[in-house]
N, C-alpha and C. Protein backbone atom coordinates (compact mmCIF):
# COMPACT_ATOMS: atom_id res chain seq x y z
N MET A 1 0.53 -1.55 -0.01
CA MET A 1 -0.20 -0.56 -0.30
C MET A 1 0.38 1.15 -0.07
N GLY A 2 0.72 1.87 -1.60
CA GLY A 2 1.57 3.40 -0.86
C GLY A 2 1.30 4.51 -1.00
N LEU A 3 2.05 5.45 -0.44
CA LEU A 3 1.32 6.69 1.22
C LEU A 3 1.85 7.78 0.01
N VAL A 4 0.32 8.69 -0.55
CA VAL A 4 1.00 9.77 -1.91
C VAL A 4 1.03 10.47 -0.90
N LEU A 5 1.55 11.73 -0.71
CA LEU A 5 1.25 13.07 -0.37
C LEU A 5 1.13 14.34 -1.15
N ARG A 6 -0.35 14.86 -1.33
CA ARG A 6 -0.01 16.16 -2.81
C ARG A 6 -1.09 17.38 -1.59
N ARG A 7 -1.30 18.20 -2.94
CA ARG A 7 -1.79 19.48 -2.22
C ARG A 7 -3.27 19.93 -2.70
N ARG A 8 -3.79 20.06 -2.15
CA ARG A 8 -4.95 20.46 -2.47
C ARG A 8 -5.37 21.78 -1.64
N ARG A 9 -6.08 23.16 -2.62
CA ARG A 9 -6.51 23.62 -1.93
C ARG A 9 -5.29 24.28 -0.59
N THR A 10 -4.06 23.79 -0.88
CA THR A 10 -2.80 24.41 0.41
C THR A 10 -3.31 23.03 1.50
N LEU A 11 -3.46 21.94 1.53
CA LEU A 11 -4.46 21.17 2.36
C LEU A 11 -3.32 20.52 2.41
N PRO A 12 -2.76 19.82 3.15
CA PRO A 12 -1.79 18.20 2.40
C PRO A 12 -3.22 16.94 2.82
N ILE A 13 -2.66 16.53 1.97
CA ILE A 13 -3.40 14.69 1.64
C ILE A 13 -3.12 14.28 2.34
N LEU A 14 -3.05 13.05 2.83
CA LEU A 14 -3.09 12.09 2.43
C LEU A 14 -4.14 11.02 1.87
N GLU A 15 -3.28 10.07 1.54
CA GLU A 15 -3.53 8.92 0.19
C GLU A 15 -3.86 7.49 1.04
N THR A 16 -4.32 6.31 1.22
CA THR A 16 -3.90 5.08 2.04
C THR A 16 -5.18 5.12 0.61
N GLU A 17 -5.08 3.45 0.76
CA GLU A 17 -5.88 2.22 0.28
C GLU A 17 -7.51 2.61 0.06
N ARG A 18 -8.06 3.02 0.82
CA ARG A 18 -9.58 3.51 1.36
C ARG A 18 -10.38 4.54 1.78
N MET A 19 -9.16 5.62 1.93
CA MET A 19 -9.22 6.51 2.75
C MET A 19 -8.36 8.12 2.00
N VAL A 20 -9.12 9.05 1.91
CA VAL A 20 -7.67 10.71 2.10
C VAL A 20 -8.09 10.69 3.12
N LEU A 21 -7.05 11.21 3.55
CA LEU A 21 -6.47 12.20 4.75
C LEU A 21 -6.78 13.44 4.63
N ARG A 22 -7.20 14.72 5.55
CA ARG A 22 -7.06 16.12 5.08
C ARG A 22 -7.05 16.54 6.12
N LEU A 23 -6.71 18.38 5.90
CA LEU A 23 -6.84 18.83 7.58
C LEU A 23 -8.73 18.93 7.50
N PRO A 24 -9.68 19.00 8.03
CA PRO A 24 -10.67 19.55 8.44
C PRO A 24 -11.40 21.34 7.63
N GLU A 25 -12.37 21.10 6.86
CA GLU A 25 -12.94 22.14 6.58
C GLU A 25 -14.16 22.18 6.04
N MET A 26 -14.81 23.54 6.70
CA MET A 26 -16.37 23.87 7.36
C MET A 26 -17.58 23.55 6.44
N ARG A 27 -16.74 22.55 5.08
CA ARG A 27 -17.94 22.25 4.89
C ARG A 27 -18.38 20.74 5.20
N ASP A 28 -17.05 20.12 6.31
CA ASP A 28 -17.30 18.72 6.56
C ASP A 28 -18.31 19.52 8.09
N TYR A 29 -18.21 20.77 8.18
CA TYR A 29 -19.57 21.05 9.47
C TYR A 29 -20.85 19.61 10.10
N SER A 30 -21.83 19.50 9.20
CA SER A 30 -22.88 18.49 9.39
C SER A 30 -22.64 17.38 9.69
N ASN A 31 -21.77 16.70 8.59
CA ASN A 31 -21.05 15.50 8.84
C ASN A 31 -20.58 15.22 9.92
N TRP A 32 -19.73 16.16 10.25
CA TRP A 32 -18.79 15.54 11.71
C TRP A 32 -19.61 15.90 13.37
N SER A 33 -20.71 16.81 13.11
CA SER A 33 -22.27 16.96 14.21
C SER A 33 -22.84 15.67 13.91
N THR A 34 -23.23 15.50 12.79
CA THR A 34 -24.32 13.41 12.99
C THR A 34 -23.15 12.81 13.15
N LEU A 35 -21.80 12.40 12.71
CA LEU A 35 -21.35 11.82 14.05
C LEU A 35 -20.74 11.03 14.95
N ARG A 36 -20.57 12.93 15.10
CA ARG A 36 -20.14 12.54 16.84
C ARG A 36 -21.04 12.75 17.50
N ARG A 37 -22.51 13.12 17.26
CA ARG A 37 -24.29 13.16 17.90
C ARG A 37 -23.95 11.39 17.73
N GLU A 38 -24.14 10.58 17.22
CA GLU A 38 -24.74 9.17 16.49
C GLU A 38 -23.76 8.73 17.69
N GLY A 39 -22.48 9.17 17.88
CA GLY A 39 -21.47 8.48 19.15
C GLY A 39 -20.95 8.22 19.63
N GLU A 40 -22.22 9.63 20.58
CA GLU A 40 -21.50 9.87 21.18
C GLU A 40 -21.86 9.54 22.77
N ASP A 41 -22.35 8.49 23.46
CA ASP A 41 -22.18 7.13 23.91
C ASP A 41 -20.83 6.70 24.04
N PHE A 42 -20.86 6.14 22.57
CA PHE A 42 -19.20 5.46 22.46
C PHE A 42 -17.51 6.00 22.95
N LEU A 43 -17.87 7.11 22.10
CA LEU A 43 -16.90 7.53 22.32
C LEU A 43 -16.91 8.53 23.63
N ARG A 44 -17.60 9.37 24.76
CA ARG A 44 -17.54 10.38 26.01
C ARG A 44 -16.13 9.50 26.63
N PRO A 45 -16.35 8.17 26.80
CA PRO A 45 -15.46 7.75 27.57
C PRO A 45 -14.57 7.74 27.61
N TRP A 46 -14.11 8.37 26.29
CA TRP A 46 -12.25 8.06 25.99
C TRP A 46 -12.11 8.89 25.90
N GLU A 47 -13.01 10.53 26.23
CA GLU A 47 -12.42 10.84 26.23
C GLU A 47 -12.81 12.92 26.55
N PRO A 48 -11.73 13.98 26.46
CA PRO A 48 -11.98 15.29 27.55
C PRO A 48 -13.45 15.68 27.36
N ALA A 49 -14.15 16.15 28.70
CA ALA A 49 -14.48 16.49 28.71
C ALA A 49 -15.65 17.47 27.59
N TRP A 50 -16.56 17.06 26.98
CA TRP A 50 -16.89 18.38 25.91
C TRP A 50 -17.62 19.02 26.79
N SER A 51 -16.85 20.96 25.78
CA SER A 51 -17.94 21.92 25.76
C SER A 51 -18.91 21.99 25.62
N PRO A 52 -19.92 22.32 26.32
CA PRO A 52 -21.02 22.51 26.26
C PRO A 52 -21.45 23.43 24.45
N ASP A 53 -20.58 24.18 24.31
CA ASP A 53 -20.77 24.14 23.22
C ASP A 53 -19.96 23.49 22.06
N HIS A 54 -19.79 21.97 21.89
CA HIS A 54 -19.20 21.12 21.26
C HIS A 54 -19.29 20.42 19.82
N PHE A 55 -21.48 21.22 19.51
CA PHE A 55 -22.14 20.63 18.50
C PHE A 55 -22.23 21.55 17.40
N SER A 56 -21.98 22.90 18.45
CA SER A 56 -21.66 24.02 17.56
C SER A 56 -20.61 24.40 16.34
N LYS A 57 -21.76 25.62 15.74
CA LYS A 57 -21.22 25.81 13.65
C LYS A 57 -19.31 26.57 14.34
N ARG A 58 -19.58 27.37 15.40
CA ARG A 58 -18.73 27.98 15.57
C ARG A 58 -17.88 27.17 17.28
N SER A 59 -18.30 26.39 17.52
CA SER A 59 -17.17 25.42 17.53
C SER A 59 -16.26 25.47 17.02
N PHE A 60 -16.95 24.56 15.90
CA PHE A 60 -16.17 23.68 14.56
C PHE A 60 -15.64 24.64 13.91
N ARG A 61 -15.76 25.82 14.07
CA ARG A 61 -14.98 26.48 12.18
C ARG A 61 -13.70 27.10 13.59
N ALA A 62 -13.89 27.09 15.05
CA ALA A 62 -12.43 27.41 15.81
C ALA A 62 -11.63 26.22 15.96
N ARG A 63 -12.43 25.15 15.53
CA ARG A 63 -11.03 23.45 15.32
C ARG A 63 -10.72 23.59 13.63
N VAL A 64 -11.73 24.04 12.69
CA VAL A 64 -10.84 24.05 11.81
C VAL A 64 -9.66 25.29 11.66
N TYR A 65 -9.72 26.52 11.79
CA TYR A 65 -8.66 27.37 12.17
C TYR A 65 -7.71 26.73 12.66
N TRP A 66 -8.16 26.37 14.47
CA TRP A 66 -6.76 25.50 15.12
C TRP A 66 -5.92 24.51 13.72
N ALA A 67 -6.68 23.52 13.14
CA ALA A 67 -6.33 22.88 11.97
C ALA A 67 -5.07 23.87 11.67
N SER A 68 -5.57 24.66 10.38
CA SER A 68 -4.92 25.10 10.37
C SER A 68 -3.31 25.66 10.84
N ARG A 69 -4.22 26.81 11.65
CA ARG A 69 -2.98 27.45 11.80
C ARG A 69 -1.60 26.26 12.54
N ALA A 70 -2.08 25.19 13.43
CA ALA A 70 -1.24 23.97 13.72
C ALA A 70 -0.37 23.90 12.87
N ARG A 71 -1.02 23.45 11.65
CA ARG A 71 -0.24 22.87 10.77
C ARG A 71 0.63 23.37 9.72
N ASP A 72 -0.14 25.08 9.71
CA ASP A 72 1.28 25.83 9.42
C ASP A 72 2.64 26.53 9.87
N ASP A 73 1.99 26.36 11.56
CA ASP A 73 3.39 26.75 12.68
C ASP A 73 4.45 24.95 13.08
N GLY A 74 3.56 24.84 12.59
CA GLY A 74 4.79 23.15 12.65
C GLY A 74 3.98 22.50 13.74
N ARG A 75 3.37 22.68 13.99
CA ARG A 75 3.10 22.45 15.78
C ARG A 75 2.38 20.78 16.08
N ALA A 76 1.39 20.55 14.70
CA ALA A 76 0.39 20.03 14.88
C ALA A 76 -0.18 19.24 13.40
N LEU A 77 -0.67 18.47 13.04
CA LEU A 77 -1.47 18.06 11.59
C LEU A 77 -2.63 17.22 12.55
N SER A 78 -3.63 17.85 11.93
CA SER A 78 -5.12 17.29 12.74
C SER A 78 -5.78 16.19 11.14
N MET A 79 -6.71 15.79 10.72
CA MET A 79 -6.68 15.62 9.79
C MET A 79 -8.10 14.45 9.62
N PHE A 80 -8.91 14.88 8.97
CA PHE A 80 -9.81 13.74 9.10
C PHE A 80 -9.66 12.69 7.65
N LEU A 81 -11.12 11.84 8.47
CA LEU A 81 -10.38 9.87 7.55
C LEU A 81 -11.61 10.52 6.46
N ILE A 82 -11.21 10.10 5.35
CA ILE A 82 -12.49 10.56 4.34
C ILE A 82 -12.80 9.29 3.87
N SER A 83 -13.93 8.56 3.49
CA SER A 83 -13.54 7.29 2.68
C SER A 83 -13.41 7.68 1.20
N ARG A 84 -13.13 7.18 0.97
CA ARG A 84 -12.42 6.80 -0.80
C ARG A 84 -13.97 7.06 -1.90
N HIS A 85 -14.25 5.66 -1.43
CA HIS A 85 -14.93 4.96 -2.11
C HIS A 85 -16.71 5.95 -1.94
N ASN A 86 -17.19 6.73 -1.05
CA ASN A 86 -18.09 7.48 -0.82
C ASN A 86 -17.80 9.10 -0.23
N GLU A 87 -17.02 9.51 0.03
CA GLU A 87 -16.58 11.00 0.10
C GLU A 87 -17.15 10.94 2.13
N GLU A 88 -17.67 9.34 2.54
CA GLU A 88 -17.90 9.56 3.70
C GLU A 88 -16.72 10.33 5.18
N LEU A 89 -17.55 10.56 6.08
CA LEU A 89 -16.85 10.89 6.86
C LEU A 89 -16.31 9.98 7.73
N LEU A 90 -15.32 9.74 8.45
CA LEU A 90 -15.08 8.12 9.38
C LEU A 90 -14.82 8.24 10.44
N GLY A 91 -14.11 8.93 10.25
CA GLY A 91 -13.52 9.22 12.23
C GLY A 91 -12.05 10.67 12.33
N ALA A 92 -11.63 11.44 12.80
CA ALA A 92 -10.27 12.03 12.96
C ALA A 92 -8.84 11.52 13.11
N ILE A 93 -7.72 12.03 13.21
CA ILE A 93 -6.50 11.57 13.52
C ILE A 93 -5.38 12.76 13.33
N THR A 94 -5.07 12.94 15.23
CA THR A 94 -4.80 13.92 15.22
C THR A 94 -3.13 14.15 15.28
N LEU A 95 -1.65 14.05 14.73
CA LEU A 95 -0.34 14.80 14.85
C LEU A 95 -0.47 15.36 16.20
N ASP A 96 -0.46 15.77 17.00
CA ASP A 96 -0.42 16.57 18.27
C ASP A 96 0.89 16.80 19.04
N ASN A 97 1.60 18.86 19.88
CA ASN A 97 2.15 18.32 20.62
C ASN A 97 3.84 18.15 20.01
N ILE A 98 4.44 18.92 18.71
CA ILE A 98 5.04 18.34 17.78
C ILE A 98 6.20 19.53 18.44
N ARG A 99 7.70 18.50 19.13
CA ARG A 99 8.54 19.46 19.38
C ARG A 99 9.53 19.39 19.02
N ARG A 100 10.47 20.42 18.03
CA ARG A 100 11.38 20.02 17.49
C ARG A 100 12.96 20.20 18.15
N GLY A 101 13.18 20.39 17.63
CA GLY A 101 14.90 20.28 18.38
C GLY A 101 15.47 18.97 18.61
N PRO A 102 15.81 18.74 19.65
CA PRO A 102 16.57 17.51 20.63
C PRO A 102 15.26 15.90 20.41
N ALA A 103 14.84 17.17 20.90
CA ALA A 103 13.30 15.58 20.87
C ALA A 103 13.26 14.96 19.46
N GLN A 104 12.37 16.12 18.94
CA GLN A 104 11.42 15.54 17.62
C GLN A 104 10.65 14.84 17.26
N THR A 105 9.63 14.88 18.31
CA THR A 105 8.72 13.92 19.26
C THR A 105 7.14 14.20 18.54
N GLY A 106 6.24 14.04 18.52
CA GLY A 106 5.28 14.21 18.50
C GLY A 106 4.40 13.24 18.71
N SER A 107 3.35 13.10 19.28
CA SER A 107 1.99 12.19 20.69
C SER A 107 1.19 12.47 19.37
N VAL A 108 0.04 11.03 19.07
CA VAL A 108 -0.60 10.77 18.20
C VAL A 108 -2.16 10.45 18.46
N GLY A 109 -3.35 11.23 18.99
CA GLY A 109 -5.02 10.91 19.23
C GLY A 109 -5.34 10.24 18.26
N TYR A 110 -7.05 9.60 18.67
CA TYR A 110 -7.86 9.06 17.26
C TYR A 110 -8.96 9.15 17.56
N TRP A 111 -9.67 8.58 16.79
CA TRP A 111 -11.05 9.04 17.04
C TRP A 111 -11.86 7.61 16.01
N ILE A 112 -13.00 7.18 15.58
CA ILE A 112 -13.59 7.33 14.71
C ILE A 112 -15.06 7.00 15.15
N GLY A 113 -16.44 6.76 14.88
CA GLY A 113 -17.64 6.82 14.28
C GLY A 113 -17.67 5.62 14.65
N PRO A 114 -18.74 4.77 15.44
CA PRO A 114 -19.29 3.39 16.77
C PRO A 114 -19.49 2.58 15.15
N ASN A 115 -19.83 2.82 14.28
CA ASN A 115 -19.83 2.53 12.12
C ASN A 115 -19.20 2.05 12.38
N HIS A 116 -18.14 2.41 12.28
CA HIS A 116 -16.57 2.46 11.20
C HIS A 116 -15.66 1.15 12.17
N ALA A 117 -15.70 1.38 13.19
CA ALA A 117 -15.15 1.09 13.92
C ALA A 117 -14.62 -0.81 13.57
N ARG A 118 -13.63 -1.12 13.94
CA ARG A 118 -12.81 -2.35 13.90
C ARG A 118 -12.76 -3.05 12.36
N GLN A 119 -12.81 -2.27 10.58
CA GLN A 119 -12.77 -2.70 10.32
C GLN A 119 -11.61 -1.69 9.44
N GLY A 120 -10.25 -1.86 10.75
CA GLY A 120 -8.85 -1.47 9.85
C GLY A 120 -8.49 -0.59 9.48
N TYR A 121 -9.69 0.84 9.72
CA TYR A 121 -9.68 2.35 9.06
C TYR A 121 -8.38 2.78 10.04
N MET A 122 -8.77 3.32 11.57
CA MET A 122 -8.00 3.67 12.36
C MET A 122 -6.15 2.92 11.50
N SER A 123 -6.13 1.68 11.51
CA SER A 123 -4.36 1.03 11.40
C SER A 123 -4.55 1.58 10.28
N GLU A 124 -5.34 1.55 9.69
CA GLU A 124 -4.55 2.45 7.85
C GLU A 124 -4.74 3.72 8.25
N ALA A 125 -5.03 4.47 8.95
CA ALA A 125 -4.70 5.44 8.70
C ALA A 125 -3.32 6.02 10.14
N LEU A 126 -3.01 5.93 10.94
CA LEU A 126 -2.52 5.39 11.94
C LEU A 126 -0.57 5.05 11.35
N LEU A 127 -1.17 3.77 10.44
CA LEU A 127 0.30 3.84 9.64
C LEU A 127 0.33 4.48 8.66
N ALA A 128 -0.45 5.65 7.94
CA ALA A 128 0.13 6.74 7.58
C ALA A 128 0.28 7.79 7.71
N VAL A 129 -0.31 8.25 8.91
CA VAL A 129 0.00 9.27 9.82
C VAL A 129 2.21 9.27 10.18
N THR A 130 1.92 7.67 11.12
CA THR A 130 3.34 7.83 11.06
C THR A 130 4.68 7.71 10.34
N ASP A 131 4.05 7.54 9.12
CA ASP A 131 4.89 7.24 8.29
C ASP A 131 5.65 7.80 7.17
N HIS A 132 3.99 9.36 7.89
CA HIS A 132 4.90 10.18 7.38
C HIS A 132 5.45 11.62 8.53
N ALA A 133 5.04 11.55 9.36
CA ALA A 133 6.00 11.27 10.76
C ALA A 133 7.38 11.12 10.24
N PHE A 134 7.78 10.36 10.14
CA PHE A 134 8.75 9.70 10.19
C PHE A 134 9.94 10.34 8.40
N SER A 135 9.49 10.19 7.26
CA SER A 135 9.20 10.63 6.48
C SER A 135 9.86 11.89 6.39
N VAL A 136 8.74 12.57 6.00
CA VAL A 136 8.55 13.59 5.32
C VAL A 136 8.70 14.28 6.98
N LEU A 137 8.00 14.29 7.99
CA LEU A 137 8.39 15.74 8.99
C LEU A 137 9.72 15.43 9.80
N ASP A 138 10.20 14.39 9.57
CA ASP A 138 11.62 14.07 9.95
C ASP A 138 11.33 14.29 11.69
N LEU A 139 10.36 13.20 12.17
CA LEU A 139 10.12 13.45 13.94
C LEU A 139 11.08 11.87 14.00
N SER A 140 11.80 11.74 15.84
CA SER A 140 11.99 9.79 15.43
C SER A 140 11.03 9.27 16.45
N ARG A 141 9.98 9.94 16.72
CA ARG A 141 9.72 9.17 17.83
C ARG A 141 8.19 9.78 18.81
N ILE A 142 6.76 8.50 17.76
CA ILE A 142 5.87 8.93 18.71
C ILE A 142 4.91 8.17 19.23
N GLU A 143 4.41 9.62 20.21
CA GLU A 143 3.99 9.09 22.04
C GLU A 143 2.18 8.38 21.83
N ALA A 144 1.73 7.95 22.10
CA ALA A 144 0.65 7.87 22.09
C ALA A 144 0.05 7.34 23.89
N ALA A 145 -0.80 7.20 24.22
CA ALA A 145 -1.45 7.33 25.95
C ALA A 145 -2.93 6.50 26.03
N CYS A 146 -3.33 5.57 26.36
CA CYS A 146 -4.88 5.10 26.50
C CYS A 146 -4.79 4.95 27.86
N LEU A 147 -6.76 4.45 28.05
CA LEU A 147 -6.53 4.33 29.37
C LEU A 147 -6.84 2.80 29.32
N PRO A 148 -6.30 2.81 30.79
CA PRO A 148 -5.75 0.59 30.47
C PRO A 148 -6.93 -0.13 30.27
N GLU A 149 -8.32 0.35 30.65
CA GLU A 149 -8.87 -0.95 30.04
C GLU A 149 -9.77 -0.28 28.35
N ASN A 150 -8.93 0.31 27.70
CA ASN A 150 -8.76 0.59 26.39
C ASN A 150 -8.33 -0.77 25.48
N THR A 151 -9.06 -1.63 25.26
CA THR A 151 -8.17 -2.50 24.82
C THR A 151 -7.80 -2.55 23.04
N PRO A 152 -9.72 -2.09 22.76
CA PRO A 152 -9.42 -1.92 21.34
C PRO A 152 -7.98 -0.55 20.61
N SER A 153 -7.86 -0.03 21.99
CA SER A 153 -7.44 0.91 21.28
C SER A 153 -5.56 0.40 21.28
N ARG A 154 -5.59 0.31 22.91
CA ARG A 154 -4.48 -0.70 22.79
C ARG A 154 -4.10 -1.76 21.78
N GLY A 155 -4.51 -2.83 21.35
CA GLY A 155 -4.53 -3.39 20.75
C GLY A 155 -3.96 -3.01 19.35
N LEU A 156 -4.66 -2.13 18.99
CA LEU A 156 -4.07 -1.13 17.08
C LEU A 156 -3.43 -0.29 17.85
N LEU A 157 -2.60 -0.39 18.93
CA LEU A 157 -1.28 0.25 18.98
C LEU A 157 -0.07 -0.28 19.09
N GLN A 158 -0.17 -1.87 19.55
CA GLN A 158 0.71 -2.90 19.98
C GLN A 158 0.20 -3.42 18.25
N ARG A 159 -0.19 -3.14 17.65
CA ARG A 159 -0.89 -3.58 16.27
C ARG A 159 0.28 -2.93 14.72
N SER A 160 0.13 -1.82 15.48
CA SER A 160 0.68 -0.43 14.34
C SER A 160 2.26 -0.66 14.85
N GLY A 161 2.90 -1.16 15.72
CA GLY A 161 4.49 -0.84 15.89
C GLY A 161 4.93 -0.14 17.26
N PHE A 162 3.50 0.22 18.22
CA PHE A 162 4.09 0.62 19.34
C PHE A 162 3.63 -0.18 20.37
N VAL A 163 5.50 0.69 21.13
CA VAL A 163 5.92 -0.36 21.90
C VAL A 163 5.21 0.32 23.71
N GLU A 164 4.74 -0.65 24.97
CA GLU A 164 4.04 -0.68 26.04
C GLU A 164 5.23 0.40 26.40
N GLU A 165 5.34 1.36 27.21
CA GLU A 165 7.02 1.56 28.08
C GLU A 165 6.75 2.15 29.87
N GLY A 166 4.58 2.15 29.84
CA GLY A 166 4.60 2.32 31.12
C GLY A 166 3.50 3.20 32.01
N ARG A 167 3.19 2.90 32.67
CA ARG A 167 2.15 4.03 33.21
C ARG A 167 2.11 4.96 33.49
N ALA A 168 1.15 5.81 33.09
CA ALA A 168 1.06 7.62 34.68
C ALA A 168 0.22 7.83 34.25
N GLU A 169 0.19 7.80 36.44
CA GLU A 169 -0.75 8.84 37.42
C GLU A 169 -1.06 9.17 36.49
N SER A 170 -2.70 9.51 36.66
CA SER A 170 -3.88 10.98 37.03
C SER A 170 -2.56 11.93 35.38
N TYR A 171 -2.45 11.05 34.37
CA TYR A 171 -2.25 11.71 33.48
C TYR A 171 -2.54 12.78 32.46
N LEU A 172 -4.01 12.32 32.14
CA LEU A 172 -5.43 13.29 31.17
C LEU A 172 -6.78 13.72 31.74
N GLN A 173 -7.71 14.58 31.88
CA GLN A 173 -9.22 14.06 32.33
C GLN A 173 -9.37 13.84 31.06
N ILE A 174 -10.14 12.26 31.88
CA ILE A 174 -11.50 11.84 30.24
C ILE A 174 -12.74 12.20 31.22
N ASN A 175 -13.49 13.09 30.61
CA ASN A 175 -15.00 12.93 31.01
C ASN A 175 -14.98 13.50 32.09
N GLY A 176 -14.32 14.22 32.35
CA GLY A 176 -14.16 15.55 34.10
C GLY A 176 -12.88 13.67 35.22
N GLN A 177 -12.87 13.37 35.11
CA GLN A 177 -11.71 12.81 35.57
C GLN A 177 -10.56 12.23 35.93
N TRP A 178 -9.59 12.80 36.26
CA TRP A 178 -7.89 12.52 36.34
C TRP A 178 -7.90 11.19 36.19
N ARG A 179 -6.87 10.87 34.97
CA ARG A 179 -7.39 9.01 34.56
C ARG A 179 -5.79 8.98 34.63
N ASP A 180 -5.15 7.51 34.89
CA ASP A 180 -4.26 7.01 34.28
C ASP A 180 -4.29 6.56 33.10
N HIS A 181 -3.08 6.36 32.35
CA HIS A 181 -3.14 6.36 31.12
C HIS A 181 -1.69 5.44 30.97
N VAL A 182 -1.53 3.91 30.00
CA VAL A 182 -0.74 3.38 29.85
C VAL A 182 -0.22 3.88 28.40
N LEU A 183 1.32 4.17 28.81
CA LEU A 183 1.78 5.46 27.03
C LEU A 183 2.65 4.42 26.54
N TYR A 184 2.49 4.27 25.12
CA TYR A 184 3.26 3.48 23.86
C TYR A 184 4.33 5.26 23.36
N SER A 185 5.59 3.93 22.62
CA SER A 185 5.87 5.53 21.81
C SER A 185 6.57 4.55 20.58
N LYS A 186 6.81 4.99 19.33
CA LYS A 186 7.21 4.13 18.66
C LYS A 186 8.18 4.90 17.98
N LEU A 187 9.32 4.20 16.63
CA LEU A 187 10.71 5.31 16.97
C LEU A 187 10.73 5.03 15.70
N ARG A 188 11.41 6.16 14.98
CA ARG A 188 12.04 5.83 13.62
C ARG A 188 12.76 4.59 13.48
N LEU A 189 13.41 4.87 13.61
CA LEU A 189 14.23 3.15 14.06
C LEU A 189 14.60 2.45 15.14
N ASP A 190 13.44 1.54 14.82
CA ASP A 190 12.71 1.09 16.47
C ASP A 190 13.20 -0.61 16.23
N ARG A 191 13.99 -1.43 17.75
CA ARG A 191 14.33 -1.96 16.88
C ARG A 191 13.98 -2.95 18.39
N ARG A 192 13.12 -2.35 19.56
CA ARG A 192 12.47 -2.56 20.94
C ARG A 192 11.72 -4.09 20.15
N GLN A 193 11.14 -4.23 19.36
CA GLN A 193 9.95 -5.40 19.52
C GLN A 193 11.12 -6.74 19.33
N TYR A 194 11.94 -6.64 18.08
CA TYR A 194 13.10 -7.69 18.04
C TYR A 194 13.68 -7.64 19.11
N ARG A 195 13.94 -6.56 19.59
CA ARG A 195 14.51 -7.36 21.38
C ARG A 195 13.66 -7.93 22.25
N HIS A 196 12.52 -7.51 21.90
CA HIS A 196 11.46 -8.32 23.03
C HIS A 196 10.88 -9.56 22.27
N MET A 197 10.91 -9.98 20.62
CA MET A 197 10.73 -11.20 20.48
C MET A 197 12.25 -12.59 21.06
N GLU A 198 13.04 -12.05 20.63
CA GLU A 198 14.74 -12.92 21.03
C GLU A 198 14.80 -12.93 22.00
N SER A 199 13.71 -11.91 22.97
CA SER A 199 14.25 -12.52 24.47
C SER A 199 12.93 -14.34 24.45
N GLU A 200 12.20 -13.84 23.46
CA GLU A 200 11.38 -15.28 24.09
C GLU A 200 11.84 -16.46 23.58
N PHE A 201 13.30 -16.71 23.12
CA PHE A 201 14.28 -17.49 22.87
C PHE A 201 15.16 -18.20 23.70
């Protein structure tokens, strides 16, 4: 599966086998709000508390503006997952908190609509974004964190080459409560998985 980077309306696009990954635009508002409303019970337990105006067009406009500015400033790359088959919005993935200098690091987070979960879409998106981060953005480390009981997300990270590094207490506020998280990372030149495999023999 090849990864293609191109530009349309100055917005970066990553193309995978089944999806186009691009920055959000105002024309996405209706599809985004519908997907988030329909998936509210599915998404809320894993996310920071939603603001009272979470579904407002004004709030979405701020998201679009932030995504564009953060991309231009090199601080983040926030992308929607769009089906190549029917242009349906499936979810989103963000490479955030990009640190340059000695670190060359970023953090990845993601969400997907419940009707599209467990179909391999996020695995495809995560591979595309990490490949882009390493080969184009020249990062050397991608970090991720998830709740200990979030078995699907932990499995996704492990299948995508992320290695568990430990547990951070009260790491993030999720749904209004400080929660511990399991920390993962993926390195551009990562031999940790091979070392783990070798230790089993």
